[in-house]
N, C-alpha and C. Protein backbone atom coordinates (compact mmCIF):
# COMPACT_ATOMS: atom_id res chain seq x y z
N MET A 1 93.45 101.12 124.63
CA MET A 1 94.21 101.08 123.39
C MET A 1 93.57 100.10 122.41
N LYS A 2 93.16 98.96 122.92
CA LYS A 2 92.55 97.96 122.05
C LYS A 2 91.28 98.50 121.40
N LYS A 3 90.50 99.20 122.19
CA LYS A 3 89.25 99.77 121.67
C LYS A 3 89.55 100.81 120.58
N SER A 4 90.55 101.64 120.81
CA SER A 4 90.93 102.65 119.80
C SER A 4 91.36 101.99 118.50
N VAL A 5 92.17 100.96 118.59
CA VAL A 5 92.66 100.28 117.39
C VAL A 5 91.50 99.60 116.66
N GLU A 6 90.63 98.97 117.40
CA GLU A 6 89.55 98.21 116.77
C GLU A 6 88.38 99.07 116.30
N GLU A 7 88.13 100.20 116.96
CA GLU A 7 86.94 100.97 116.64
C GLU A 7 87.19 102.34 116.02
N ASP A 8 88.34 102.93 116.27
CA ASP A 8 88.59 104.29 115.82
C ASP A 8 89.39 104.40 114.53
N VAL A 9 90.10 103.34 114.17
CA VAL A 9 90.94 103.40 112.98
C VAL A 9 90.10 103.07 111.76
N PHE A 10 90.16 103.95 110.79
CA PHE A 10 89.48 103.74 109.52
C PHE A 10 90.29 104.40 108.44
N ILE A 11 90.82 103.59 107.54
CA ILE A 11 91.54 104.11 106.38
C ILE A 11 90.84 103.54 105.16
N PRO A 12 90.12 104.37 104.44
CA PRO A 12 89.41 103.85 103.27
C PRO A 12 90.37 103.43 102.17
N LEU A 13 89.99 102.41 101.45
CA LEU A 13 90.77 101.98 100.29
C LEU A 13 90.02 102.39 99.04
N TYR A 14 90.62 103.26 98.28
CA TYR A 14 90.04 103.71 97.02
C TYR A 14 90.88 103.13 95.89
N PRO A 15 90.33 103.03 94.70
CA PRO A 15 91.15 102.59 93.56
C PRO A 15 92.32 103.55 93.36
N LYS A 16 93.43 103.01 92.91
CA LYS A 16 94.63 103.83 92.69
C LYS A 16 94.34 105.02 91.80
N SER A 17 93.51 104.83 90.80
CA SER A 17 93.20 105.93 89.88
C SER A 17 92.52 107.08 90.60
N THR A 18 91.80 106.78 91.66
CA THR A 18 91.08 107.81 92.42
C THR A 18 92.03 108.63 93.29
N VAL A 19 93.02 107.98 93.87
CA VAL A 19 93.89 108.69 94.82
C VAL A 19 95.21 109.16 94.20
N GLU A 20 95.43 108.84 92.94
CA GLU A 20 96.66 109.34 92.30
C GLU A 20 96.66 110.85 92.19
N ASP A 21 95.47 111.43 92.09
CA ASP A 21 95.35 112.88 92.10
C ASP A 21 95.41 113.33 93.56
N ARG A 22 96.58 113.77 93.99
CA ARG A 22 96.81 114.11 95.40
C ARG A 22 95.95 115.27 95.88
N SER A 23 95.36 116.02 94.96
CA SER A 23 94.51 117.14 95.37
C SER A 23 93.05 116.74 95.52
N SER A 24 92.72 115.48 95.19
CA SER A 24 91.32 115.04 95.32
C SER A 24 90.94 114.90 96.79
N LEU A 25 89.69 115.08 97.08
CA LEU A 25 89.20 114.96 98.45
C LEU A 25 89.41 113.56 99.01
N ARG A 26 89.21 112.56 98.18
CA ARG A 26 89.40 111.18 98.64
C ARG A 26 90.85 110.93 99.01
N SER A 27 91.77 111.41 98.20
CA SER A 27 93.18 111.23 98.47
C SER A 27 93.58 111.94 99.77
N LYS A 28 93.12 113.16 99.93
CA LYS A 28 93.44 113.92 101.15
C LYS A 28 92.87 113.25 102.39
N PHE A 29 91.64 112.75 102.29
CA PHE A 29 91.01 112.07 103.42
C PHE A 29 91.78 110.80 103.78
N GLN A 30 92.13 110.02 102.77
CA GLN A 30 92.87 108.80 103.00
C GLN A 30 94.22 109.09 103.67
N GLU A 31 94.89 110.13 103.21
CA GLU A 31 96.18 110.51 103.80
C GLU A 31 96.04 110.94 105.26
N ARG A 32 95.02 111.74 105.55
CA ARG A 32 94.80 112.16 106.95
C ARG A 32 94.55 110.96 107.85
N ARG A 33 93.76 110.01 107.37
CA ARG A 33 93.46 108.82 108.16
C ARG A 33 94.71 107.97 108.35
N PHE A 34 95.55 107.88 107.31
CA PHE A 34 96.79 107.13 107.43
C PHE A 34 97.68 107.73 108.51
N TRP A 35 97.89 109.04 108.45
CA TRP A 35 98.79 109.67 109.41
C TRP A 35 98.22 109.65 110.82
N SER A 36 96.93 109.66 110.94
CA SER A 36 96.30 109.51 112.25
C SER A 36 96.59 108.11 112.82
N ALA A 37 96.55 107.10 111.97
CA ALA A 37 96.85 105.73 112.40
C ALA A 37 98.33 105.58 112.75
N VAL A 38 99.21 106.26 112.02
CA VAL A 38 100.64 106.22 112.36
C VAL A 38 100.86 106.84 113.74
N LYS A 39 100.18 107.92 114.02
CA LYS A 39 100.29 108.56 115.34
C LYS A 39 99.80 107.61 116.43
N LEU A 40 98.71 106.91 116.16
CA LEU A 40 98.21 105.93 117.12
C LEU A 40 99.23 104.81 117.32
N LEU A 41 99.87 104.35 116.24
CA LEU A 41 100.92 103.34 116.36
C LEU A 41 102.03 103.83 117.27
N SER A 42 102.47 105.06 117.08
CA SER A 42 103.55 105.58 117.92
C SER A 42 103.12 105.67 119.38
N ASN A 43 101.86 106.01 119.62
CA ASN A 43 101.35 106.07 121.00
C ASN A 43 101.21 104.69 121.63
N VAL A 44 100.77 103.72 120.86
CA VAL A 44 100.66 102.35 121.36
C VAL A 44 102.03 101.81 121.74
N VAL A 45 103.01 102.05 120.88
CA VAL A 45 104.35 101.52 121.11
C VAL A 45 105.01 102.19 122.32
N LEU A 46 104.60 103.39 122.66
CA LEU A 46 105.15 104.05 123.84
C LEU A 46 104.87 103.27 125.12
N TRP A 47 103.86 102.43 125.10
CA TRP A 47 103.51 101.62 126.26
C TRP A 47 104.41 100.39 126.43
N ASP A 48 105.31 100.17 125.49
CA ASP A 48 106.24 99.05 125.59
C ASP A 48 107.09 99.24 126.85
N GLY A 49 107.18 98.18 127.63
CA GLY A 49 107.92 98.24 128.89
C GLY A 49 107.00 98.52 130.06
N ILE A 50 105.82 99.03 129.80
CA ILE A 50 104.82 99.27 130.85
C ILE A 50 103.74 98.19 130.77
N VAL A 51 103.26 97.97 129.56
CA VAL A 51 102.30 96.91 129.27
C VAL A 51 103.10 95.74 128.70
N GLN A 52 102.61 94.52 128.87
CA GLN A 52 103.32 93.35 128.35
C GLN A 52 103.67 93.52 126.88
N GLU A 53 104.90 93.17 126.55
CA GLU A 53 105.39 93.36 125.18
C GLU A 53 104.53 92.65 124.15
N ASP A 54 104.07 91.43 124.46
CA ASP A 54 103.26 90.70 123.48
C ASP A 54 101.94 91.40 123.20
N LYS A 55 101.38 92.09 124.19
CA LYS A 55 100.14 92.85 123.98
C LYS A 55 100.40 94.07 123.10
N VAL A 56 101.49 94.77 123.37
CA VAL A 56 101.84 95.95 122.58
C VAL A 56 102.14 95.55 121.14
N ARG A 57 102.89 94.47 120.96
CA ARG A 57 103.21 94.00 119.60
C ARG A 57 101.96 93.55 118.87
N ASP A 58 101.04 92.89 119.57
CA ASP A 58 99.81 92.45 118.92
C ASP A 58 98.99 93.64 118.45
N LEU A 59 98.80 94.62 119.34
CA LEU A 59 98.01 95.80 118.97
C LEU A 59 98.72 96.63 117.90
N GLY A 60 99.98 96.92 118.12
CA GLY A 60 100.70 97.81 117.23
C GLY A 60 101.05 97.20 115.89
N LEU A 61 101.53 95.97 115.92
CA LEU A 61 102.01 95.37 114.67
C LEU A 61 100.95 94.50 113.99
N SER A 62 100.42 93.53 114.72
CA SER A 62 99.46 92.61 114.10
C SER A 62 98.18 93.31 113.69
N LYS A 63 97.67 94.15 114.57
CA LYS A 63 96.38 94.76 114.27
C LYS A 63 96.50 96.08 113.53
N LEU A 64 97.30 96.98 114.00
CA LEU A 64 97.36 98.32 113.40
C LEU A 64 98.23 98.34 112.13
N LEU A 65 99.45 97.88 112.22
CA LEU A 65 100.33 97.93 111.05
C LEU A 65 99.84 96.99 109.95
N ASN A 66 99.66 95.72 110.28
CA ASN A 66 99.33 94.74 109.24
C ASN A 66 97.90 94.85 108.73
N ARG A 67 96.99 95.30 109.55
CA ARG A 67 95.59 95.37 109.13
C ARG A 67 95.27 96.67 108.39
N TYR A 68 95.88 97.78 108.79
CA TYR A 68 95.51 99.08 108.23
C TYR A 68 96.64 99.77 107.48
N LEU A 69 97.74 99.99 108.16
CA LEU A 69 98.81 100.80 107.59
C LEU A 69 99.46 100.14 106.38
N LEU A 70 99.74 98.85 106.47
CA LEU A 70 100.43 98.18 105.38
C LEU A 70 99.61 98.18 104.09
N LEU A 71 98.31 98.04 104.21
CA LEU A 71 97.46 98.09 103.01
C LEU A 71 97.61 99.42 102.29
N ASN A 72 97.63 100.49 103.07
CA ASN A 72 97.78 101.82 102.47
C ASN A 72 99.17 101.97 101.86
N ILE A 73 100.18 101.51 102.55
CA ILE A 73 101.55 101.61 102.04
C ILE A 73 101.69 100.84 100.73
N LEU A 74 101.11 99.65 100.68
CA LEU A 74 101.20 98.84 99.47
C LEU A 74 100.45 99.46 98.30
N ASN A 75 99.43 100.28 98.59
CA ASN A 75 98.67 100.93 97.54
C ASN A 75 99.21 102.31 97.18
N THR A 76 100.25 102.74 97.85
CA THR A 76 100.90 104.01 97.54
C THR A 76 101.97 103.75 96.48
N PRO A 77 101.95 104.49 95.39
CA PRO A 77 102.97 104.28 94.35
C PRO A 77 104.38 104.41 94.91
N LEU A 78 105.29 103.58 94.41
CA LEU A 78 106.67 103.64 94.86
C LEU A 78 107.23 105.02 94.54
N GLY A 79 107.92 105.59 95.50
CA GLY A 79 108.49 106.92 95.34
C GLY A 79 108.63 107.60 96.68
N PRO A 80 108.82 108.90 96.69
CA PRO A 80 109.07 109.64 97.93
C PRO A 80 107.96 109.49 98.98
N ASP A 81 106.69 109.48 98.56
CA ASP A 81 105.59 109.35 99.52
C ASP A 81 105.63 107.99 100.21
N ASN A 82 105.90 106.95 99.45
CA ASN A 82 105.96 105.62 100.01
C ASN A 82 107.14 105.51 100.98
N ILE A 83 108.26 106.07 100.60
CA ILE A 83 109.45 106.03 101.46
C ILE A 83 109.20 106.78 102.76
N GLU A 84 108.54 107.93 102.68
CA GLU A 84 108.23 108.70 103.89
C GLU A 84 107.33 107.90 104.82
N LYS A 85 106.32 107.24 104.27
CA LYS A 85 105.42 106.44 105.10
C LYS A 85 106.17 105.31 105.78
N CYS A 86 107.01 104.62 105.03
CA CYS A 86 107.79 103.52 105.61
C CYS A 86 108.74 104.02 106.69
N ASN A 87 109.40 105.14 106.44
CA ASN A 87 110.32 105.71 107.44
C ASN A 87 109.59 106.05 108.73
N LYS A 88 108.41 106.63 108.62
CA LYS A 88 107.65 107.01 109.82
C LYS A 88 107.23 105.78 110.61
N VAL A 89 106.83 104.72 109.91
CA VAL A 89 106.46 103.48 110.60
C VAL A 89 107.67 102.89 111.31
N VAL A 90 108.80 102.82 110.61
CA VAL A 90 110.03 102.27 111.20
C VAL A 90 110.45 103.10 112.42
N ALA A 91 110.30 104.40 112.35
CA ALA A 91 110.68 105.27 113.47
C ALA A 91 109.86 105.00 114.73
N CYS A 92 108.68 104.45 114.57
CA CYS A 92 107.82 104.15 115.71
C CYS A 92 108.27 102.91 116.48
N LEU A 93 109.01 102.03 115.83
CA LEU A 93 109.34 100.73 116.41
C LEU A 93 110.49 100.83 117.41
N PRO A 94 110.31 100.25 118.60
CA PRO A 94 111.38 100.29 119.61
C PRO A 94 112.59 99.45 119.18
N GLU A 95 113.76 100.00 119.34
CA GLU A 95 114.99 99.31 118.94
C GLU A 95 115.18 98.02 119.72
N ARG A 96 114.73 97.98 120.96
CA ARG A 96 114.97 96.80 121.80
C ARG A 96 114.27 95.56 121.26
N TRP A 97 113.22 95.74 120.44
CA TRP A 97 112.54 94.59 119.84
C TRP A 97 113.45 93.85 118.87
N PHE A 98 114.50 94.51 118.40
CA PHE A 98 115.36 93.94 117.37
C PHE A 98 116.74 93.54 117.89
N GLN A 99 117.02 93.79 119.15
CA GLN A 99 118.37 93.57 119.69
C GLN A 99 118.78 92.10 119.70
N GLU A 100 117.84 91.20 119.93
CA GLU A 100 118.21 89.78 120.04
C GLU A 100 118.01 89.02 118.73
N LEU A 101 117.64 89.73 117.67
CA LEU A 101 117.45 89.07 116.38
C LEU A 101 118.79 88.84 115.70
N LYS A 102 118.88 87.75 114.98
CA LYS A 102 120.10 87.46 114.23
C LYS A 102 120.04 88.19 112.90
N GLY A 103 121.18 88.47 112.32
CA GLY A 103 121.27 89.19 111.05
C GLY A 103 120.36 88.62 109.97
N GLY A 104 119.65 89.49 109.30
CA GLY A 104 118.77 89.08 108.22
C GLY A 104 117.40 88.61 108.65
N SER A 105 117.14 88.56 109.95
CA SER A 105 115.83 88.12 110.41
C SER A 105 115.04 89.32 110.95
N THR A 106 113.74 89.10 111.12
CA THR A 106 112.88 90.16 111.62
C THR A 106 111.82 89.55 112.51
N LEU A 107 111.02 90.39 113.11
CA LEU A 107 109.90 89.91 113.92
C LEU A 107 108.87 89.28 112.99
N PRO A 108 108.22 88.21 113.43
CA PRO A 108 107.22 87.56 112.57
C PRO A 108 106.12 88.52 112.12
N GLU A 109 105.74 89.45 112.98
CA GLU A 109 104.69 90.41 112.64
C GLU A 109 105.13 91.41 111.58
N LEU A 110 106.42 91.52 111.36
CA LEU A 110 106.95 92.49 110.40
C LEU A 110 107.38 91.86 109.07
N LEU A 111 107.07 90.59 108.89
CA LEU A 111 107.53 89.89 107.69
C LEU A 111 107.02 90.55 106.41
N ASN A 112 105.72 90.85 106.33
CA ASN A 112 105.17 91.48 105.10
C ASN A 112 105.73 92.88 104.90
N PHE A 113 105.85 93.63 105.98
CA PHE A 113 106.41 94.98 105.88
C PHE A 113 107.87 94.90 105.43
N SER A 114 108.62 93.98 105.97
CA SER A 114 110.02 93.81 105.59
C SER A 114 110.17 93.44 104.11
N GLN A 115 109.28 92.57 103.64
CA GLN A 115 109.31 92.20 102.22
C GLN A 115 109.04 93.42 101.33
N HIS A 116 108.13 94.29 101.76
CA HIS A 116 107.88 95.51 101.00
C HIS A 116 109.11 96.40 100.99
N LEU A 117 109.77 96.53 102.13
CA LEU A 117 110.98 97.36 102.19
C LEU A 117 112.08 96.81 101.29
N LEU A 118 112.19 95.51 101.21
CA LEU A 118 113.21 94.91 100.35
C LEU A 118 112.96 95.18 98.88
N GLN A 119 111.69 95.30 98.51
CA GLN A 119 111.37 95.60 97.11
C GLN A 119 111.84 96.99 96.77
């Protein structure tokens, strides 16, 4: 899993003006790479409870979400596409990670993502 996250994930960052045209090749490529990384996130998180939780959280949240996915989400214009991306990421996260949190708090690895959701 670590090798896949470190070596197989690639989401290019293009200027917003380049990817605003959803029919452009760059935009389509970037979107395919994003959704491929979301699928990898969901697969990594499936190992929760089998592999140590701190390892799964490090790979899934610190490395995959914060390093790759969040950059793409932040560069996606606010609107339905951004909401869909955020919903898919949230759907990947195990509920048990949040059971012992107090109201209004989140996992440290999700702080930047949470701030984006609040906006």
